[in-house]
Amino acid sequence: MASAVWWCYNLDNCVKVNAVDQICPPDCDCYDEFKEVYCEARALRSIPSEIPFSVNSLSLGNNNIRELQRNSFRQIPGLETLRLNGNHIRDIPRNAFYGLKKLRRLDLSTNRLTHIPTEAMAQLVSIQEISLRGNPITEIVGYEFIQIRATLRSLDVGELRHLKYLSNQALAGLDNLQALSMDSCGLNDMPTVRPLTNIRTLNLANNRISILDSNSLKGLRKLSNFHMEYGALATVANDAFNDLVSLEILNLSGNNLTSLPSTVFRYTTRLTSLKLQRNPWLCNCDLLPLAGFLSDSTACTDGLCGTCRYPPTYRGLPLANLTRINNPPCAALIIGEQTSPSLNVSVGDSVRIPCPTLPPNHRTSKERIKWKTPNGTSIRHGQYKVRITMLGNGSLNFTKVTLKDKGLYTCSVSKSGNEVAKSTVFLNVTSQTNVLTPSYFATETSVSKATRNNVQYQNPRPTQPAYVPVKNLFTTTWTTQNVPILSKPESPASTTPYYKQKEIQQDSMNEVMRTTKIIIGCFVGLTLVAAIILLAFYKLRKKNFSQ
């Protein structure tokens, strides 16, 4: 005997429907007595008109549907799941979802929506999950989801690659939300997630957020799963995770982290999974507290906890194993991977020499950096000379190179007034411009720590590779391979071998203009002072003459 159900449009209009009386739409498949209708990838251009009354789940994904009409789903008021992903929908009219009072899950991902369909979603009084992933939405203004705040539990607005504006009130009122995905949205700043007091899962992966400060995650005491991998994160405040007392899964892999504060994990006592790999970790004494935490924690294995990238002596060493080395170095010494220890240039070139003592994207204060030229002259930031200046990032900039500039340049970094690291770069200047010249120059790097005693190196475990012990004073010689330095025959004056000449010339021009402005300002100031003195003298003389 066929089962029957009653469908009511209102209290006075109900109809008894038998399963045998319902018909599956053409190009669709129906299952479970018409409760599930599957019309995926059937090249449909519109919503089928003969959808069974008893349907609970309707899949219309990956078709060619371009628009939704008003009351498109009025004939199926019992629908709970609607999938419209992968179509070409650009706009959704206000009453498109009219009658879907039982709808809980709505998938509108990978369509062509340019704005949030706020008015249409307001009809969904039972909605719990919404996906708008992969749409060309350009902005999310304040209170976009406020009308469905009471029921909404999961919101996916990831991969909004055209997003240009995100209001601080975009998530306002969503205190019942439990899962939020905003990955791959090109975000430069941390979104305001403080209203999400019941959030359990937060996905901010693959964005350009560089800082997690004290307020970034404040108040998220129920957050258990936080993803921020493959981004630009470089700085984490020591109290950034203080409120994350329920955190169990944390993924910070693939960022720009070189260190983490020693107290950052003091309140994350429930942590069971921690991923820190693929970060440029700087393994010096400042990282010892983190290494100690990782060695005692079961939240990650050696491969997931991350490995040292700097200094080269410890490259590949698991962070947790740093505690097994007595007295790791505290100096800022790093040889940048992209920096050549020697440069071949020609007379008249504009050239910039990065300080090889510093890592790429370093945050060392420019006041701690000093260059010494071959003739013994010291150059610091702010000491402007006619052709040679030190830029804010520690690089030494030459406006036009001469033969007198040839020689060994030393870049040193100091801490608390004491020099802790230095490296040398050889600048080879020739008057010939159309020559292929192999380079065989070397740079010598030394680190000295007067407070260090003789270091005892502990033997590694059988499964751990051996690493070179750190000595009280060590010297490393770096020699470049035979890499010919090419110049451009058709443009002898443009032979900068390692950097884009336009960028160098622009920086050089900026430094020259800055110097010129200072000189002009001093001249104007002196002129004004002289004029004031002359005026005072004239008045005094006139007064004496009148007497």
Protein backbone atom coordinates (compact mmCIF):
# COMPACT_ATOMS: atom_id res chain seq x y z
CA MET A 1 0.00 0.00 0.00
CA ALA A 2 1.44 3.35 -1.03
CA SER A 3 2.23 5.85 1.69
CA ALA A 4 0.39 9.16 1.77
CA VAL A 5 1.15 12.61 3.16
CA TRP A 6 -0.86 15.80 3.65
CA TRP A 7 0.52 19.04 2.13
CA CYS A 8 -0.99 22.35 3.20
CA TYR A 9 -0.49 25.75 1.55
CA ASN A 10 -2.46 27.27 4.42
CA LEU A 11 -4.90 26.17 7.11
CA ASP A 12 -7.79 25.97 4.63
CA ASN A 13 -5.99 24.46 1.66
CA CYS A 14 -4.56 20.98 2.23
CA VAL A 15 -4.23 18.05 -0.13
CA LYS A 16 -3.53 14.37 0.45
CA VAL A 17 -0.77 13.13 -1.86
CA ASN A 18 0.14 9.49 -2.51
CA ALA A 19 3.69 8.57 -3.46
CA VAL A 20 2.41 6.78 -6.56
CA ASP A 21 0.72 10.00 -7.75
CA GLN A 22 4.01 11.91 -7.83
CA ILE A 23 6.21 12.05 -10.91
CA CYS A 24 9.97 12.46 -11.04
CA PRO A 25 10.95 15.43 -13.26
CA PRO A 26 12.61 14.67 -16.60
CA ASP A 27 16.43 14.59 -16.49
CA CYS A 28 16.31 13.99 -12.71
CA ASP A 29 16.66 10.96 -10.46
CA CYS A 30 14.38 10.42 -7.46
CA TYR A 31 15.10 8.31 -4.39
CA ASP A 32 13.52 7.29 -1.11
CA GLU A 33 9.88 7.71 -2.24
CA PHE A 34 10.60 11.09 -3.86
CA LYS A 35 12.16 12.56 -0.71
CA GLU A 36 15.44 13.11 -2.55
CA VAL A 37 15.51 14.59 -6.07
CA TYR A 38 18.88 14.63 -7.80
CA CYS A 39 19.26 16.89 -10.88
CA GLU A 40 23.01 17.58 -10.81
CA ALA A 41 24.84 18.43 -14.07
CA ARG A 42 21.86 17.98 -16.40
CA ALA A 43 22.31 21.24 -18.37
CA LEU A 44 19.10 22.63 -16.87
CA ARG A 45 18.35 26.29 -17.58
CA SER A 46 15.53 26.70 -15.09
CA ILE A 47 13.97 25.08 -12.04
CA PRO A 48 11.97 21.95 -13.05
CA SER A 49 8.23 22.56 -12.79
CA GLU A 50 7.13 19.06 -11.74
CA ILE A 51 9.04 18.55 -8.51
CA PRO A 52 7.38 16.03 -6.13
CA PHE A 53 5.57 17.50 -3.13
CA SER A 54 7.30 15.21 -0.66
CA VAL A 55 10.88 16.18 -1.54
CA ASN A 56 13.21 16.94 1.40
CA SER A 57 16.46 17.35 -0.55
CA LEU A 58 16.74 18.97 -3.98
CA SER A 59 20.10 19.03 -5.83
CA LEU A 60 20.31 21.39 -8.81
CA GLY A 61 24.05 21.98 -8.80
CA ASN A 62 26.34 22.41 -11.83
CA ASN A 63 23.64 23.38 -14.30
CA ASN A 64 23.07 26.46 -16.45
CA ILE A 65 20.48 28.16 -14.27
CA ARG A 66 20.87 31.92 -14.62
CA GLU A 67 18.01 33.28 -12.54
CA LEU A 68 15.45 32.36 -9.92
CA GLN A 69 11.86 33.46 -10.30
CA ARG A 70 9.64 34.62 -7.49
CA ASN A 71 7.96 31.75 -5.64
CA SER A 72 10.22 29.29 -7.49
CA PHE A 73 9.87 26.70 -4.70
CA ARG A 74 6.38 27.39 -3.36
CA GLN A 75 5.12 23.97 -4.45
CA ILE A 76 7.61 22.13 -2.19
CA PRO A 77 7.17 23.67 1.29
CA GLY A 78 8.73 20.66 3.03
CA LEU A 79 12.18 21.17 1.45
CA GLU A 80 15.02 21.05 3.97
CA THR A 81 18.13 21.01 1.73
CA LEU A 82 18.56 23.04 -1.48
CA ARG A 83 21.74 22.89 -3.57
CA LEU A 84 22.14 25.50 -6.32
CA ASN A 85 25.94 25.50 -6.45
CA GLY A 86 27.85 25.78 -9.71
CA ASN A 87 25.23 27.70 -11.70
CA HIS A 88 25.22 31.19 -13.25
CA ILE A 89 22.88 32.97 -10.86
CA ARG A 90 23.61 36.71 -10.71
CA ASP A 91 20.71 37.94 -8.58
CA ILE A 92 18.07 36.44 -6.32
CA PRO A 93 14.71 38.24 -6.05
CA ARG A 94 13.19 38.97 -2.68
CA ASN A 95 10.50 36.24 -2.77
CA ALA A 96 12.53 33.54 -4.50
CA PHE A 97 12.52 31.36 -1.37
CA TYR A 98 8.98 32.16 -0.31
CA GLY A 99 7.30 29.23 1.40
CA LEU A 100 10.51 27.38 2.34
CA LYS A 101 9.87 27.63 6.07
CA LYS A 102 11.57 24.30 6.75
CA LEU A 103 14.73 24.92 4.72
CA ARG A 104 17.84 24.32 6.83
CA ARG A 105 20.69 24.06 4.30
CA LEU A 106 21.23 26.35 1.30
CA ASP A 107 24.22 26.03 -1.06
CA LEU A 108 24.74 29.00 -3.44
CA SER A 109 28.49 28.52 -3.90
CA THR A 110 30.33 29.22 -7.19
CA ASN A 111 27.61 31.30 -8.79
CA ARG A 112 27.87 34.88 -10.06
CA LEU A 113 26.43 36.79 -7.13
CA THR A 114 28.04 40.18 -6.57
CA HIS A 115 26.26 40.94 -3.30
CA ILE A 116 24.74 39.09 -0.34
CA PRO A 117 21.05 38.23 -1.10
CA THR A 118 19.94 39.65 2.25
CA GLU A 119 16.23 40.15 1.46
CA ALA A 120 15.84 36.72 -0.10
CA MET A 121 17.49 34.99 2.86
CA ALA A 122 15.21 36.80 5.29
CA GLN A 123 12.40 34.43 4.17
CA LEU A 124 14.30 31.43 5.53
CA VAL A 125 13.08 31.28 9.11
CA SER A 126 14.65 27.86 9.83
CA ILE A 127 17.96 28.22 7.97
CA GLN A 128 21.03 26.78 9.72
CA GLU A 129 23.72 26.47 7.02
CA ILE A 130 24.49 28.86 4.14
CA SER A 131 27.34 28.66 1.63
CA LEU A 132 28.22 31.63 -0.59
CA ARG A 133 31.73 30.38 -1.33
CA GLY A 134 33.40 31.31 -4.60
CA ASN A 135 31.04 34.10 -5.70
CA PRO A 136 32.35 37.44 -7.08
CA ILE A 137 30.96 39.30 -4.07
CA THR A 138 32.69 42.68 -3.74
CA GLU A 139 31.54 43.81 -0.31
CA ILE A 140 29.96 42.64 2.92
CA VAL A 141 28.40 45.56 4.75
CA GLY A 142 27.18 45.65 8.31
CA TYR A 143 24.37 43.44 9.60
CA GLU A 144 24.01 41.47 6.36
CA PHE A 145 22.92 38.31 8.21
CA ILE A 146 21.09 39.92 11.11
CA GLN A 147 17.61 38.71 10.00
CA ILE A 148 18.64 35.04 10.20
CA ARG A 149 20.84 35.37 13.29
CA ALA A 150 18.54 33.31 15.52
CA THR A 151 18.89 30.08 13.52
CA LEU A 152 22.14 30.39 11.54
CA ARG A 153 24.82 27.96 12.76
CA SER A 154 27.27 27.67 9.82
CA LEU A 155 28.36 30.34 7.32
CA ASP A 156 30.78 29.77 4.45
CA VAL A 157 31.97 32.94 2.70
CA GLY A 158 35.36 31.59 1.64
CA GLU A 159 37.11 32.19 -1.68
CA LEU A 160 35.51 35.60 -2.19
CA ARG A 161 38.47 36.67 -4.32
CA HIS A 162 36.77 39.90 -5.48
CA LEU A 163 36.03 41.11 -1.95
CA LYS A 164 37.12 44.72 -1.54
CA TYR A 165 35.25 45.82 1.57
CA LEU A 166 34.43 44.01 4.79
CA SER A 167 32.57 45.99 7.43
CA ASN A 168 33.55 45.71 11.08
CA GLN A 169 29.85 44.95 11.69
CA ALA A 170 29.58 42.30 8.97
CA LEU A 171 29.20 39.52 11.55
CA ALA A 172 27.29 41.55 14.11
CA GLY A 173 24.53 39.70 15.92
CA LEU A 174 25.65 36.20 14.93
CA ASP A 175 26.09 35.05 18.51
CA ASN A 176 24.63 31.61 17.65
CA LEU A 177 27.07 30.95 14.80
CA GLN A 178 29.23 27.88 15.39
CA ALA A 179 31.28 27.62 12.16
CA LEU A 180 32.69 30.38 9.94
CA SER A 181 34.87 30.02 6.84
CA MET A 182 36.54 33.14 5.39
CA ASP A 183 39.55 31.50 3.79
CA SER A 184 41.07 32.77 0.53
CA CYS A 185 39.36 36.17 0.65
CA GLY A 186 42.51 38.30 0.33
CA LEU A 187 42.02 39.75 3.81
CA ASN A 188 44.83 42.05 4.96
CA ASP A 189 43.45 42.60 8.44
CA MET A 190 41.83 40.36 11.00
CA PRO A 191 38.03 40.47 10.64
CA THR A 192 35.99 41.46 13.68
CA VAL A 193 34.97 38.09 15.10
CA ARG A 194 34.41 39.22 18.67
CA PRO A 195 30.56 38.97 18.36
CA LEU A 196 30.88 35.22 17.65
CA THR A 197 30.76 34.13 21.27
CA ASN A 198 29.59 30.58 20.39
CA ILE A 199 31.95 29.95 17.48
CA ARG A 200 33.55 26.49 17.47
CA THR A 201 35.32 26.41 14.08
CA LEU A 202 37.05 29.40 12.45
CA ASN A 203 38.83 29.13 9.10
CA LEU A 204 40.95 32.13 7.99
CA ALA A 205 43.49 30.21 5.91
CA ASN A 206 45.19 31.59 2.81
CA ASN A 207 44.76 35.29 3.57
CA ARG A 208 47.28 38.11 3.99
CA ILE A 209 46.73 38.74 7.69
CA SER A 210 50.16 39.39 9.24
CA ILE A 211 49.34 40.11 12.90
CA LEU A 212 47.30 38.47 15.64
CA ASP A 213 47.11 41.04 18.42
CA SER A 214 45.61 40.93 21.89
CA ASN A 215 42.07 41.63 20.63
CA SER A 216 42.03 39.50 17.47
CA LEU A 217 40.48 36.44 19.14
CA LYS A 218 39.25 37.96 22.36
CA GLY A 219 36.12 36.46 23.83
CA LEU A 220 36.14 33.25 21.73
CA ARG A 221 36.15 30.94 24.73
CA LYS A 222 34.31 28.12 22.91
CA LEU A 223 36.59 28.09 19.84
CA SER A 224 37.99 24.58 19.41
CA ASN A 225 39.22 24.53 15.80
CA PHE A 226 41.26 27.44 14.36
CA HIS A 227 42.83 27.39 10.88
CA MET A 228 45.17 30.14 9.70
CA GLU A 229 47.58 28.22 7.48
CA TYR A 230 49.28 29.35 4.26
CA GLY A 231 49.05 33.07 4.88
CA ALA A 232 51.31 35.97 5.83
CA LEU A 233 51.20 35.68 9.62
CA ALA A 234 54.46 36.99 11.09
CA THR A 235 53.58 38.32 14.55
CA VAL A 236 51.52 36.82 17.38
CA ALA A 237 51.00 38.74 20.60
CA ASN A 238 51.90 36.92 23.80
CA ASP A 239 48.24 37.07 24.95
CA ALA A 240 46.61 36.46 21.56
CA PHE A 241 45.36 33.00 22.61
CA ASN A 242 44.52 33.80 26.24
CA ASP A 243 40.75 33.36 25.77
CA LEU A 244 41.03 30.17 23.70
CA VAL A 245 40.55 27.86 26.68
CA SER A 246 38.64 25.31 24.54
CA LEU A 247 41.11 25.22 21.64
CA GLU A 248 41.90 21.69 20.47
CA ILE A 249 43.12 22.11 16.87
CA LEU A 250 45.45 24.92 15.73
CA ASN A 251 47.02 25.18 12.28
CA LEU A 252 49.56 27.98 11.67
CA SER A 253 51.63 26.17 9.05
CA GLY A 254 52.95 27.86 5.92
CA ASN A 255 53.22 31.41 7.29
CA ASN A 256 56.11 33.84 7.96
CA LEU A 257 56.64 33.04 11.63
CA THR A 258 60.22 33.17 12.85
CA SER A 259 59.36 33.02 16.55
CA LEU A 260 56.45 32.82 19.01
CA PRO A 261 56.18 34.38 22.49
CA SER A 262 57.06 32.09 25.36
CA THR A 263 53.63 32.43 27.02
CA VAL A 264 51.38 32.19 23.97
CA PHE A 265 50.15 28.66 24.79
CA ARG A 266 49.78 29.00 28.55
CA TYR A 267 45.94 28.80 28.50
CA THR A 268 45.45 26.34 25.61
CA THR A 269 45.52 23.31 27.89
CA ARG A 270 43.18 21.23 25.69
CA LEU A 271 45.34 21.44 22.58
CA THR A 272 45.52 18.06 20.82
CA SER A 273 46.67 19.03 17.31
CA LEU A 274 49.25 21.73 16.53
CA LYS A 275 50.78 22.40 13.10
CA LEU A 276 53.70 24.84 12.78
CA GLN A 277 55.63 23.44 9.82
CA ARG A 278 56.75 25.43 6.76
CA ASN A 279 57.58 28.59 8.69
CA PRO A 280 61.04 30.26 8.56
CA TRP A 281 61.84 29.57 12.22
CA LEU A 282 64.87 31.38 13.66
CA CYS A 283 66.39 28.95 16.16
CA ASN A 284 68.19 31.09 18.71
CA CYS A 285 67.91 31.33 22.46
CA ASP A 286 64.64 33.32 22.21
CA LEU A 287 62.93 30.22 20.81
CA LEU A 288 63.89 27.96 23.73
CA PRO A 289 60.59 28.41 25.66
CA LEU A 290 58.59 27.37 22.59
CA ALA A 291 60.95 24.45 21.98
CA GLY A 292 60.48 23.35 25.58
CA PHE A 293 56.69 23.46 25.20
CA LEU A 294 56.83 21.42 21.99
CA SER A 295 59.15 18.82 23.48
CA ASP A 296 56.72 18.25 26.37
CA SER A 297 53.54 18.44 24.30
CA THR A 298 51.79 15.59 22.48
CA ALA A 299 49.90 17.99 20.22
CA CYS A 300 52.29 17.59 17.29
CA THR A 301 54.98 15.28 15.99
CA ASP A 302 58.42 16.41 14.81
CA GLY A 303 57.25 16.82 11.24
CA LEU A 304 54.26 18.99 12.15
CA CYS A 305 55.95 21.10 14.84
CA GLY A 306 58.25 22.73 12.31
CA THR A 307 62.00 22.79 11.73
CA CYS A 308 64.70 25.46 11.95
CA ARG A 309 65.53 27.45 8.84
CA TYR A 310 68.01 29.85 10.42
CA PRO A 311 70.86 29.89 11.24
CA PRO A 312 72.21 27.56 8.52
CA THR A 313 73.94 25.44 11.19
CA TYR A 314 70.57 24.25 12.48
CA ARG A 315 68.63 24.11 9.23
CA GLY A 316 66.27 21.11 9.31
CA LEU A 317 66.53 20.61 13.08
CA PRO A 318 63.06 19.94 14.63
CA LEU A 319 62.10 22.79 16.93
CA ALA A 320 61.49 20.44 19.82
CA ASN A 321 65.11 19.23 19.55
CA LEU A 322 66.49 22.73 20.11
CA THR A 323 66.32 22.07 23.85
CA ARG A 324 68.96 19.34 23.43
CA ILE A 325 71.59 21.86 22.36
CA ASN A 326 73.33 23.69 25.17
CA ASN A 327 73.46 27.48 24.84
CA PRO A 328 72.09 28.07 21.33
CA PRO A 329 73.24 31.39 19.78
CA CYS A 330 71.42 34.59 20.65
CA ALA A 331 72.91 36.68 17.83
CA ALA A 332 70.93 37.99 14.91
CA LEU A 333 73.25 36.28 12.44
CA ILE A 334 71.49 34.99 9.37
CA ILE A 335 72.75 34.63 5.84
CA GLY A 336 69.88 35.39 3.50
CA GLU A 337 69.23 32.71 0.92
CA GLN A 338 68.57 35.25 -1.83
CA THR A 339 71.60 37.45 -1.13
CA SER A 340 74.85 37.05 -3.03
CA PRO A 341 78.04 37.58 -0.96
CA SER A 342 79.66 39.47 -3.83
CA LEU A 343 78.56 41.79 -6.63
CA ASN A 344 80.12 42.61 -9.99
CA VAL A 345 79.15 46.05 -11.27
CA SER A 346 80.40 48.62 -13.73
CA VAL A 347 81.26 52.28 -13.37
CA GLY A 348 78.13 54.42 -13.44
CA ASP A 349 75.77 51.68 -12.26
CA SER A 350 73.16 52.22 -9.58
CA VAL A 351 73.27 49.35 -7.12
CA ARG A 352 71.77 48.28 -3.81
CA ILE A 353 73.59 45.85 -1.51
CA PRO A 354 71.36 44.00 0.99
CA CYS A 355 72.89 43.35 4.39
CA PRO A 356 73.73 39.60 4.36
CA THR A 357 73.66 39.54 8.18
CA LEU A 358 69.88 39.90 8.12
CA PRO A 359 67.17 37.45 7.00
CA PRO A 360 64.60 38.28 4.33
CA ASN A 361 61.64 40.23 5.76
CA HIS A 362 63.60 40.95 8.95
CA ARG A 363 62.24 43.33 11.59
CA THR A 364 65.58 44.48 12.98
CA SER A 365 65.58 48.14 13.98
CA LYS A 366 67.57 50.23 11.49
CA GLU A 367 69.32 51.95 14.39
CA ARG A 368 71.09 48.64 15.16
CA ILE A 369 72.55 48.29 11.65
CA LYS A 370 75.86 49.84 10.56
CA TRP A 371 77.92 49.60 7.36
CA LYS A 372 81.68 50.12 7.12
CA THR A 373 83.20 51.07 3.75
CA PRO A 374 86.62 49.92 2.45
CA ASN A 375 88.23 53.18 3.65
CA GLY A 376 86.90 52.69 7.20
CA THR A 377 84.01 55.17 7.05
CA SER A 378 80.90 54.14 9.01
CA ILE A 379 77.44 54.67 7.52
CA ARG A 380 74.19 54.49 9.48
CA HIS A 381 70.63 55.27 8.57
CA GLY A 382 70.09 59.03 8.43
CA GLN A 383 73.71 59.87 7.59
CA TYR A 384 73.22 61.26 4.10
CA LYS A 385 76.15 61.36 1.72
CA VAL A 386 76.24 62.43 -1.91
CA ARG A 387 76.21 58.97 -3.51
CA ILE A 388 76.01 56.37 -0.72
CA THR A 389 73.21 56.00 1.80
CA MET A 390 71.76 53.28 4.02
CA LEU A 391 68.08 52.60 3.34
CA GLY A 392 65.48 51.84 5.98
CA ASN A 393 65.69 48.07 5.35
CA GLY A 394 69.44 48.03 6.03
CA SER A 395 70.55 47.96 2.39
CA LEU A 396 73.45 50.11 1.19
CA ASN A 397 72.44 52.18 -1.83
CA PHE A 398 74.85 53.62 -4.45
CA THR A 399 73.57 56.26 -6.86
CA LYS A 400 76.53 55.93 -9.26
CA VAL A 401 79.38 53.54 -8.65
CA THR A 402 83.00 54.66 -9.23
CA LEU A 403 86.27 52.73 -9.24
CA LYS A 404 87.01 54.11 -5.77
CA ASP A 405 84.01 52.18 -4.40
CA LYS A 406 85.65 48.82 -5.06
CA GLY A 407 86.41 46.80 -1.94
CA LEU A 408 85.05 44.99 1.09
CA TYR A 409 81.89 46.33 2.79
CA THR A 410 80.95 45.14 6.28
CA CYS A 411 77.38 45.11 7.63
CA SER A 412 77.14 44.69 11.40
CA VAL A 413 74.22 44.38 13.81
CA SER A 414 74.46 45.48 17.43
CA LYS A 415 72.40 44.69 20.51
CA SER A 416 72.52 46.74 23.70
CA GLY A 417 75.44 48.66 22.25
CA ASN A 418 77.55 45.57 21.54
CA GLU A 419 78.23 44.18 18.10
CA VAL A 420 76.80 40.67 17.88
CA ALA A 421 76.98 39.82 14.18
CA LYS A 422 78.63 41.05 11.02
CA SER A 423 79.09 39.96 7.43
CA THR A 424 81.14 41.26 4.54
CA VAL A 425 80.28 41.75 0.88
CA PHE A 426 82.87 42.36 -1.83
CA LEU A 427 81.92 44.99 -4.42
CA ASN A 428 83.90 44.51 -7.62
CA VAL A 429 83.83 47.59 -9.86
CA THR A 430 85.12 47.46 -13.43
CA SER A 431 85.26 50.03 -16.19
CA GLN A 432 84.34 47.40 -18.82
CA THR A 433 80.63 46.82 -19.41
CA ASN A 434 80.40 44.13 -22.08
CA VAL A 435 82.37 41.39 -20.44
CA LEU A 436 81.40 37.97 -19.12
CA THR A 437 83.26 37.60 -15.82
CA PRO A 438 82.96 34.60 -13.51
CA SER A 439 82.80 35.47 -9.81
CA TYR A 440 84.97 33.72 -7.23
CA PHE A 441 84.54 36.09 -4.31
CA ALA A 442 83.80 35.03 -0.75
CA THR A 443 82.27 36.52 2.35
CA GLU A 444 83.42 35.82 5.90
CA THR A 445 80.91 35.84 8.73
CA SER A 446 81.74 35.84 12.42
CA VAL A 447 79.64 35.90 15.58
CA SER A 448 81.10 36.64 18.98
CA LYS A 449 79.45 36.32 22.37
CA ALA A 450 81.66 37.38 25.25
CA THR A 451 79.25 36.02 27.85
CA ARG A 452 79.18 32.46 26.47
CA ASN A 453 81.22 29.71 28.05
CA ASN A 454 82.59 26.73 26.21
CA VAL A 455 79.61 24.92 24.78
CA GLN A 456 79.03 21.23 25.35
CA TYR A 457 77.04 19.59 22.60
CA GLN A 458 74.80 16.72 23.55
CA ASN A 459 74.84 13.66 21.33
CA PRO A 460 71.65 13.25 19.31
CA ARG A 461 69.35 10.30 19.51
CA PRO A 462 69.94 7.46 17.05
CA THR A 463 67.06 8.75 14.90
CA GLN A 464 68.25 12.35 14.99
CA PRO A 465 70.84 13.62 12.50
CA ALA A 466 73.98 15.12 13.98
CA TYR A 467 74.36 18.90 13.90
CA VAL A 468 77.46 21.05 14.09
CA PRO A 469 78.06 22.27 17.68
CA VAL A 470 77.99 25.98 18.45
CA LYS A 471 81.34 27.36 19.57
CA ASN A 472 82.13 30.46 21.55
CA LEU A 473 83.61 32.06 18.45
CA PHE A 474 83.21 30.58 15.02
CA THR A 475 83.97 31.68 11.50
CA THR A 476 82.29 30.44 8.37
CA THR A 477 83.51 31.07 4.85
CA TRP A 478 80.93 31.24 2.09
CA THR A 479 82.16 30.91 -1.50
CA THR A 480 80.01 31.53 -4.52
CA GLN A 481 79.99 29.13 -7.43
CA ASN A 482 81.19 30.09 -10.88
CA VAL A 483 78.16 32.10 -11.90
CA PRO A 484 78.92 34.53 -14.74
CA ILE A 485 77.65 38.05 -14.31
CA LEU A 486 76.02 39.19 -17.55
CA SER A 487 75.85 42.79 -18.68
CA LYS A 488 73.68 44.19 -21.46
CA PRO A 489 75.78 45.09 -24.54
CA GLU A 490 73.08 47.30 -25.97
CA SER A 491 72.80 49.32 -22.76
CA PRO A 492 76.23 49.60 -21.06
CA ALA A 493 74.92 51.90 -18.34
CA SER A 494 72.31 49.36 -17.17
CA THR A 495 74.24 46.36 -15.89
CA THR A 496 72.83 45.83 -12.41
CA PRO A 497 73.22 42.06 -12.03
CA TYR A 498 70.80 41.23 -9.24
CA TYR A 499 68.13 43.86 -8.86
CA LYS A 500 65.72 45.74 -11.05
CA GLN A 501 67.34 48.97 -12.12
CA LYS A 502 64.10 50.98 -12.09
CA GLU A 503 63.51 50.20 -8.42
CA ILE A 504 67.11 51.09 -7.57
CA GLN A 505 66.96 54.35 -9.49
CA GLN A 506 63.69 55.25 -7.80
CA ASP A 507 65.13 54.60 -4.33
CA SER A 508 68.29 56.49 -5.26
CA MET A 509 66.28 59.44 -6.55
CA ASN A 510 64.24 59.46 -3.33
CA GLU A 511 67.41 59.59 -1.25
CA VAL A 512 68.88 62.39 -3.42
CA MET A 513 65.64 64.39 -3.21
CA ARG A 514 65.56 63.92 0.55
CA THR A 515 69.16 65.17 0.85
CA THR A 516 68.39 68.11 -1.42
CA LYS A 517 65.37 69.06 0.66
CA ILE A 518 67.45 69.00 3.83
CA ILE A 519 70.11 71.23 2.28
CA ILE A 520 67.49 73.67 0.94
CA GLY A 521 65.75 73.72 4.32
CA CYS A 522 69.00 74.53 6.12
CA PHE A 523 69.75 77.32 3.62
CA VAL A 524 66.27 78.84 4.03
CA GLY A 525 66.57 78.63 7.80
CA LEU A 526 69.93 80.39 7.83
CA THR A 527 68.57 83.07 5.49
CA LEU A 528 65.63 83.74 7.80
CA VAL A 529 67.92 83.98 10.83
CA ALA A 530 70.20 86.41 9.01
CA ALA A 531 67.22 88.53 7.95
CA ILE A 532 65.94 88.71 11.53
CA ILE A 533 69.38 89.75 12.81
CA LEU A 534 69.69 92.46 10.14
CA LEU A 535 66.20 93.76 10.91
CA ALA A 536 66.97 93.94 14.63
CA PHE A 537 70.26 95.71 13.92
CA TYR A 538 68.52 98.22 11.64
CA LYS A 539 65.86 99.06 14.25
CA LEU A 540 68.49 99.44 16.98
CA ARG A 541 70.59 101.74 14.80
CA LYS A 542 67.55 103.85 13.86
CA LYS A 543 66.63 104.18 17.52
CA ASN A 544 70.13 105.34 18.46
CA PHE A 545 70.18 107.82 15.57
CA SER A 546 66.88 109.36 16.63
CA GLN A 547 68.23 109.93 20.14
